[in-house]
Amino acid sequence: MKITAIDPITLSIPFEDGGAGVGITPQRWHTLDMVLVRITTDTGLVGWGEAFGYFCSRAVAAHIRDLVAPPLVGRTVDDPVALNLELQRRLALFGRYGLTIFALSGIDIALWDLKAKAEGVDLATLIAGERKREHVDAYASLVRYGSTELVARYCEKAAREGYRSIKLHEVTMPEIRAGRGAIDRAISFTVDVNCSWTEDHAASVIPELVALDTLWLEEPVFPPEDWDALRRLGALGLAIAAGENACTAQEFGHLAQAVRYPQPSITKVGGVSEFLRVAAIARANGQTLMPHSPYFGPGHCATLQMAAALDEFGMFEHLYVEPQAWVGGEPQRPERGRMAIAQRPGIGFEPDPAVLQRYATS
């Protein structure tokens, strides 16, 4: 089976979240900007992947077209891990992190999708020989509201829908207190501040976060790769989580010594191949993976396959928004806080052609 073409497809799908869409991203965030990767082969099989695209989708698509894809056309799809490492070596001059690895991630996912389809099995079975689970617990990952009233409202809503774990992206304590106060203590509670705090401030609020039964504090400081600061904060009695901004398993080797919950993002870390290397590091250190997965396309599906393949997978992150359309046709929502994992060959994703046509941006 040889690759005949690799095509990035950029989409922009509006979503509603009940908030103002400000605070986390450089501009107002109200669309899901996706970069799908389609790999076609001489056998007629098509593989699908996803590269991280929020606010950088056009640049990532250009990296795929001009930099990462050309060396693969005409190659045989038999060993995605070897192809991934070969490309990392050839592309090292152009950046070990960021856009280059985002682009590689999407291609790698599609290569694994193809390999599993060619063997007639789902990706989890291809990787592990068997599926470890058919469902995985999901947590509601709320957007940043910046309002105690909205935080309480949406925490209550998620709890009514059956979520047993909720994450806030608030950066001030009044909103964090409001969120915790709105839900039962039996529901686990996490806080992600997206690198907004100083180490001193994080240290000063950790005792209160512990008193609020916070399961983890995520990315407390800038820069996100300040391993020493993360390690010091983790010694203060609250678990630290990080890793969504880490590319390749190389960074997770350092991160493993600094956090309790590593958080690889399959569309950013280097795809399935690097995700599996990160999982091996977590396994060796007795850690639980809490992957970053605010996606609704192949990234969503590939992450769920990791949940079915890996014992060390913890919870699935579900971005708590309502897209105007679902790129795979069917809604991808948890039911009572649980996500079903597809058993179809490959990663379990096929796009809805009508959605591609309507929301394509290139």
Protein backbone atom coordinates (compact mmCIF):
# COMPACT_ATOMS: atom_id res chain seq x y z
CA MET A 1 0.00 0.00 0.00
CA LYS A 2 1.67 3.20 -1.22
CA ILE A 3 0.81 6.82 -0.56
CA THR A 4 -0.42 8.65 -3.65
CA ALA A 5 -1.47 11.99 -2.10
CA ILE A 6 -1.53 13.87 1.21
CA ASP A 7 -3.98 16.75 1.48
CA PRO A 8 -4.69 19.12 4.38
CA ILE A 9 -8.30 20.31 4.67
CA THR A 10 -8.99 23.35 6.84
CA LEU A 11 -12.40 23.88 8.40
CA SER A 12 -13.93 26.55 10.59
CA ILE A 13 -17.06 25.45 12.48
CA PRO A 14 -18.77 27.99 14.78
CA PHE A 15 -19.66 26.88 18.29
CA GLU A 16 -21.66 28.16 21.25
CA ASP A 17 -20.41 27.97 24.82
CA GLY A 18 -22.44 30.54 26.77
CA GLY A 19 -19.43 32.77 27.34
CA ALA A 20 -17.74 35.73 25.69
CA GLY A 21 -14.99 33.66 24.05
CA VAL A 22 -12.17 35.74 25.54
CA GLY A 23 -9.33 35.12 27.95
CA ILE A 24 -7.72 31.88 26.77
CA THR A 25 -6.86 32.58 23.13
CA PRO A 26 -5.23 35.54 21.31
CA GLN A 27 -8.56 36.68 19.88
CA ARG A 28 -12.21 35.88 20.50
CA TRP A 29 -12.64 32.11 20.35
CA HIS A 30 -15.94 31.04 18.83
CA THR A 31 -14.99 28.68 16.00
CA LEU A 32 -13.40 25.25 15.86
CA ASP A 33 -10.54 25.75 13.39
CA MET A 34 -9.52 22.27 12.28
CA VAL A 35 -6.82 20.89 10.02
CA LEU A 36 -7.84 17.47 8.73
CA VAL A 37 -5.27 15.35 6.92
CA ARG A 38 -6.39 13.01 4.15
CA ILE A 39 -3.93 10.39 2.88
CA THR A 40 -4.96 8.43 -0.21
CA THR A 41 -3.27 5.24 -1.35
CA ASP A 42 -2.95 3.12 -4.46
CA THR A 43 -5.24 0.50 -2.88
CA GLY A 44 -8.14 2.93 -2.55
CA LEU A 45 -7.91 3.12 1.23
CA VAL A 46 -8.04 6.62 2.71
CA GLY A 47 -6.57 7.56 6.08
CA TRP A 48 -7.70 10.51 8.17
CA GLY A 49 -5.74 12.51 10.72
CA GLU A 50 -5.91 15.87 12.46
CA ALA A 51 -3.22 18.44 13.14
CA PHE A 52 -3.65 21.10 15.80
CA GLY A 53 -5.17 24.13 14.10
CA TYR A 54 -6.70 26.61 16.53
CA PHE A 55 -5.75 30.10 15.27
CA CYS A 56 -2.90 28.63 13.20
CA SER A 57 -4.78 26.36 10.81
CA ARG A 58 -3.57 27.98 7.59
CA ALA A 59 0.05 27.92 8.73
CA VAL A 60 -0.20 24.27 9.80
CA ALA A 61 -1.81 23.34 6.48
CA ALA A 62 1.06 25.05 4.65
CA HIS A 63 3.58 23.07 6.71
CA ILE A 64 1.82 19.86 5.72
CA ARG A 65 1.72 20.71 2.01
CA ASP A 66 5.18 22.21 1.64
CA LEU A 67 7.33 20.56 4.29
CA VAL A 68 6.07 17.33 5.82
CA ALA A 69 4.05 15.62 3.08
CA PRO A 70 6.41 15.71 0.05
CA PRO A 71 8.93 13.14 1.36
CA LEU A 72 6.10 10.65 2.00
CA VAL A 73 4.36 10.56 -1.37
CA GLY A 74 5.19 7.24 -3.03
CA ARG A 75 6.24 5.63 0.26
CA THR A 76 4.81 2.38 1.60
CA VAL A 77 2.55 2.53 4.66
CA ASP A 78 3.86 -0.30 6.80
CA ASP A 79 5.63 1.25 9.79
CA PRO A 80 4.24 4.61 11.00
CA VAL A 81 6.70 4.77 13.90
CA ALA A 82 9.70 4.48 11.59
CA LEU A 83 8.27 7.05 9.18
CA ASN A 84 7.59 9.44 12.06
CA LEU A 85 11.16 9.24 13.38
CA GLU A 86 12.59 9.55 9.87
CA LEU A 87 10.59 12.72 9.32
CA GLN A 88 11.60 14.15 12.69
CA ARG A 89 15.24 13.74 11.72
CA ARG A 90 14.74 15.28 8.28
CA LEU A 91 12.72 18.19 9.69
CA ALA A 92 14.85 19.00 12.74
CA LEU A 93 16.25 22.09 11.05
CA PHE A 94 12.73 23.53 10.76
CA GLY A 95 11.70 23.21 14.38
CA ARG A 96 11.34 20.43 16.91
CA TYR A 97 8.19 21.96 18.38
CA GLY A 98 5.18 23.96 17.26
CA LEU A 99 3.87 24.01 13.70
CA THR A 100 6.21 21.39 12.26
CA ILE A 101 5.27 18.81 14.88
CA PHE A 102 1.58 19.79 14.67
CA ALA A 103 1.74 19.00 10.95
CA LEU A 104 3.57 15.73 11.57
CA SER A 105 0.97 14.79 14.19
CA GLY A 106 -1.87 14.95 11.69
CA ILE A 107 0.01 12.88 9.13
CA ASP A 108 1.03 10.29 11.73
CA ILE A 109 -2.57 9.81 12.88
CA ALA A 110 -3.65 9.26 9.28
CA LEU A 111 -0.84 6.72 8.74
CA TRP A 112 -1.99 4.72 11.76
CA ASP A 113 -5.59 4.98 10.56
CA LEU A 114 -4.50 3.48 7.24
CA LYS A 115 -2.47 0.69 8.84
CA ALA A 116 -5.36 -0.37 11.07
CA LYS A 117 -7.83 -0.20 8.17
CA ALA A 118 -5.54 -2.33 6.02
CA GLU A 119 -5.51 -4.97 8.75
CA GLY A 120 -9.29 -4.69 9.27
CA VAL A 121 -9.10 -3.77 12.96
CA ASP A 122 -9.62 -0.72 15.14
CA LEU A 123 -6.48 1.13 16.14
CA ALA A 124 -6.61 0.03 19.79
CA THR A 125 -6.64 -3.63 18.80
CA LEU A 126 -3.80 -3.07 16.34
CA ILE A 127 -1.67 -1.46 19.07
CA ALA A 128 -2.53 -3.55 22.13
CA GLY A 129 -3.83 -6.82 20.66
CA GLU A 130 -7.07 -6.29 22.53
CA ARG A 131 -9.29 -3.48 23.73
CA LYS A 132 -8.89 -2.59 27.40
CA ARG A 133 -12.25 -0.82 27.60
CA GLU A 134 -15.30 0.09 25.54
CA HIS A 135 -16.11 3.33 27.40
CA VAL A 136 -14.02 5.90 29.21
CA ASP A 137 -14.94 8.46 31.85
CA ALA A 138 -15.07 11.97 30.42
CA TYR A 139 -14.81 15.28 32.19
CA ALA A 140 -16.50 18.50 31.15
CA SER A 141 -13.79 20.97 30.17
CA LEU A 142 -15.50 24.36 30.51
CA VAL A 143 -14.33 27.48 28.69
CA ARG A 144 -13.26 30.57 30.61
CA TYR A 145 -16.28 32.64 31.63
CA GLY A 146 -14.73 35.25 33.92
CA SER A 147 -18.04 35.44 35.80
CA THR A 148 -19.00 33.76 39.04
CA GLU A 149 -22.62 33.52 37.89
CA LEU A 150 -21.77 31.84 34.58
CA VAL A 151 -19.24 29.50 36.15
CA ALA A 152 -21.80 28.32 38.70
CA ARG A 153 -24.50 27.97 36.02
CA TYR A 154 -22.43 25.80 33.70
CA CYS A 155 -20.95 23.70 36.49
CA GLU A 156 -24.48 22.95 37.67
CA LYS A 157 -25.55 22.16 34.11
CA ALA A 158 -22.66 19.73 33.55
CA ALA A 159 -23.38 18.04 36.87
CA ARG A 160 -27.05 17.59 35.94
CA GLU A 161 -25.95 15.96 32.69
CA GLY A 162 -24.09 13.29 34.64
CA TYR A 163 -20.47 14.41 34.50
CA ARG A 164 -18.51 13.16 37.48
CA SER A 165 -15.59 15.49 36.84
CA ILE A 166 -15.47 19.16 35.79
CA LYS A 167 -12.55 21.39 34.83
CA LEU A 168 -12.47 25.18 35.04
CA HIS A 169 -10.25 27.52 33.03
CA GLU A 170 -10.72 30.41 35.44
CA VAL A 171 -7.73 32.37 36.74
CA THR A 172 -9.12 34.17 39.80
CA MET A 173 -10.30 32.62 43.04
CA PRO A 174 -13.86 34.07 43.18
CA GLU A 175 -14.78 32.18 39.98
CA ILE A 176 -12.97 29.05 41.14
CA ARG A 177 -14.80 29.12 44.47
CA ALA A 178 -18.11 29.64 42.68
CA GLY A 179 -17.51 26.63 40.48
CA ARG A 180 -16.63 24.34 43.35
CA GLY A 181 -19.52 25.63 45.44
CA ALA A 182 -22.03 24.87 42.68
CA ILE A 183 -21.35 21.13 42.57
CA ASP A 184 -21.30 18.23 44.98
CA ARG A 185 -17.93 17.34 46.51
CA ALA A 186 -18.39 13.84 45.08
CA ILE A 187 -17.77 15.36 41.64
CA SER A 188 -14.04 15.71 41.01
CA PHE A 189 -12.84 19.22 40.26
CA THR A 190 -9.78 20.50 38.42
CA VAL A 191 -8.41 23.94 37.58
CA ASP A 192 -6.43 24.91 34.46
CA VAL A 193 -5.04 28.46 34.46
CA ASN A 194 -3.19 28.16 31.11
CA CYS A 195 0.16 29.41 32.48
CA SER A 196 -1.41 32.60 33.88
CA TRP A 197 0.09 32.63 37.39
CA THR A 198 3.51 33.28 38.86
CA GLU A 199 5.06 30.57 40.98
CA ASP A 200 4.60 32.69 44.11
CA HIS A 201 0.91 33.26 43.42
CA ALA A 202 0.31 29.60 42.64
CA ALA A 203 2.01 28.61 45.88
CA SER A 204 -0.13 31.10 47.82
CA VAL A 205 -3.46 29.68 46.57
CA ILE A 206 -2.61 25.98 46.61
CA PRO A 207 -3.74 25.56 50.25
CA GLU A 208 -7.18 26.88 49.34
CA LEU A 209 -7.33 24.71 46.22
CA VAL A 210 -6.51 21.71 48.40
CA ALA A 211 -9.32 22.71 50.78
CA LEU A 212 -11.67 22.84 47.77
CA ASP A 213 -10.83 19.19 46.98
CA THR A 214 -9.12 20.10 43.71
CA LEU A 215 -7.83 16.98 41.95
CA TRP A 216 -5.12 18.82 40.02
CA LEU A 217 -3.84 22.29 39.13
CA GLU A 218 -2.99 22.47 35.44
CA GLU A 219 -0.27 24.56 33.81
CA PRO A 220 0.05 26.99 36.70
CA VAL A 221 3.04 29.02 35.46
CA PHE A 222 4.74 30.49 32.42
CA PRO A 223 6.71 29.19 30.68
CA PRO A 224 4.92 25.83 30.60
CA GLU A 225 8.26 24.02 30.39
CA ASP A 226 9.59 25.47 33.66
CA TRP A 227 10.07 21.98 35.06
CA ASP A 228 11.74 23.21 38.25
CA ALA A 229 8.83 25.48 39.16
CA LEU A 230 6.32 22.70 38.46
CA ARG A 231 8.29 20.31 40.64
CA ARG A 232 8.44 22.82 43.51
CA LEU A 233 4.71 23.49 43.29
CA GLY A 234 3.96 19.78 43.16
CA ALA A 235 5.68 19.38 46.52
CA LEU A 236 3.10 21.65 48.18
CA GLY A 237 0.34 19.07 48.47
CA LEU A 238 -1.64 19.42 45.23
CA ALA A 239 -1.13 17.34 42.10
CA ILE A 240 0.18 19.27 39.11
CA ALA A 241 -0.84 18.44 35.53
CA ALA A 242 0.81 19.69 32.34
CA GLY A 243 1.88 18.66 28.87
CA GLU A 244 -0.59 19.97 26.32
CA ASN A 245 2.11 22.33 25.03
CA ALA A 246 4.85 19.69 24.99
CA CYS A 247 5.90 18.30 21.61
CA THR A 248 7.49 14.83 21.29
CA ALA A 249 8.24 12.36 24.05
CA GLN A 250 11.59 14.07 24.61
CA GLU A 251 9.87 16.84 26.58
CA PHE A 252 7.81 14.34 28.55
CA GLY A 253 10.99 12.74 29.83
CA HIS A 254 11.61 15.99 31.71
CA LEU A 255 7.95 16.52 32.52
CA ALA A 256 7.64 13.10 34.16
CA GLN A 257 9.81 14.32 37.02
CA ALA A 258 7.77 17.48 37.50
CA VAL A 259 4.06 16.54 37.36
CA ARG A 260 1.72 13.81 38.52
CA TYR A 261 -0.57 13.86 35.49
CA PRO A 262 1.12 14.11 32.05
CA GLN A 263 -1.21 15.54 29.38
CA PRO A 264 -0.09 14.72 25.83
CA SER A 265 -2.22 16.13 23.02
CA ILE A 266 -2.33 13.70 20.12
CA THR A 267 -2.61 16.49 17.50
CA LYS A 268 0.39 18.36 18.95
CA VAL A 269 2.77 15.85 20.50
CA GLY A 270 3.68 14.02 17.27
CA GLY A 271 0.60 11.90 16.67
CA VAL A 272 -0.05 8.33 17.75
CA SER A 273 3.61 7.32 17.52
CA GLU A 274 4.82 9.93 20.00
CA PHE A 275 1.73 9.51 22.18
CA LEU A 276 2.65 5.84 22.64
CA ARG A 277 6.21 6.82 23.61
CA VAL A 278 4.78 9.26 26.18
CA ALA A 279 2.54 6.49 27.50
CA ALA A 280 5.59 4.27 28.01
CA ILE A 281 7.26 7.04 30.05
CA ALA A 282 4.11 7.43 32.17
CA ARG A 283 3.92 3.66 32.68
CA ALA A 284 7.53 3.50 33.81
CA ASN A 285 6.89 6.28 36.34
CA GLY A 286 3.57 4.94 37.63
CA GLN A 287 1.68 7.95 36.28
CA THR A 288 -1.81 8.34 34.85
CA LEU A 289 -2.27 10.06 31.50
CA MET A 290 -4.88 12.82 31.39
CA PRO A 291 -4.63 13.74 27.70
CA HIS A 292 -5.47 17.11 26.23
CA SER A 293 -8.27 16.46 23.72
CA PRO A 294 -10.58 19.44 22.99
CA TYR A 295 -11.23 18.09 19.49
CA PHE A 296 -14.22 16.90 17.50
CA GLY A 297 -12.64 15.19 14.50
CA PRO A 298 -9.88 12.61 14.01
CA GLY A 299 -8.03 13.95 17.07
CA HIS A 300 -11.04 13.09 19.20
CA CYS A 301 -11.33 9.60 17.71
CA ALA A 302 -7.60 8.82 17.90
CA THR A 303 -7.49 9.87 21.57
CA LEU A 304 -10.38 7.52 22.33
CA GLN A 305 -8.47 4.70 20.65
CA MET A 306 -5.60 5.43 23.05
CA ALA A 307 -8.10 5.09 25.90
CA ALA A 308 -9.09 1.65 24.59
CA ALA A 309 -5.46 0.56 24.15
CA LEU A 310 -3.70 1.85 27.28
CA ASP A 311 -4.18 0.88 30.92
CA GLU A 312 -2.54 4.13 32.06
CA PHE A 313 -5.16 6.31 30.33
CA GLY A 314 -7.18 8.28 32.90
CA MET A 315 -10.08 10.50 31.84
CA PHE A 316 -11.08 11.88 28.45
CA GLU A 317 -11.30 15.66 28.11
CA HIS A 318 -14.53 16.79 26.44
CA LEU A 319 -14.60 20.45 25.45
CA TYR A 320 -17.94 21.68 26.83
CA VAL A 321 -19.23 23.55 23.79
CA GLU A 322 -21.92 23.00 21.16
CA PRO A 323 -20.61 22.99 17.58
CA GLN A 324 -22.85 24.19 14.76
CA ALA A 325 -22.02 20.95 12.95
CA TRP A 326 -20.20 17.70 13.67
CA VAL A 327 -17.43 16.93 11.20
CA GLY A 328 -18.08 13.19 11.46
CA GLY A 329 -21.81 13.65 10.97
CA GLU A 330 -22.91 12.23 14.31
CA PRO A 331 -22.65 14.15 17.61
CA GLN A 332 -19.59 13.26 19.70
CA ARG A 333 -20.83 13.84 23.23
CA PRO A 334 -20.43 11.82 26.42
CA GLU A 335 -23.54 10.13 27.80
CA ARG A 336 -23.83 10.64 31.54
CA GLY A 337 -20.14 11.45 31.67
CA ARG A 338 -18.99 8.42 29.65
CA MET A 339 -17.63 8.28 26.10
CA ALA A 340 -18.21 5.24 23.91
CA ILE A 341 -15.16 4.15 21.88
CA ALA A 342 -15.69 3.23 18.23
CA GLN A 343 -14.92 -0.32 17.12
CA ARG A 344 -14.75 0.41 13.38
CA PRO A 345 -11.49 -0.26 11.49
CA GLY A 346 -8.89 2.47 11.91
CA ILE A 347 -9.45 5.32 14.32
CA GLY A 348 -13.21 5.17 13.76
CA PHE A 349 -13.57 8.42 11.84
CA GLU A 350 -15.09 9.20 8.47
CA PRO A 351 -16.05 12.79 7.60
CA ASP A 352 -19.46 14.01 6.55
CA PRO A 353 -18.90 15.33 2.98
CA ALA A 354 -21.62 17.96 3.44
CA VAL A 355 -19.86 19.36 6.52
CA LEU A 356 -16.53 19.44 4.68
CA GLN A 357 -18.09 21.33 1.80
CA ARG A 358 -19.96 23.83 3.95
CA TYR A 359 -17.23 24.70 6.44
CA ALA A 360 -14.04 24.36 4.38
CA THR A 361 -11.84 27.44 4.39
CA SER A 362 -9.42 26.33 1.68
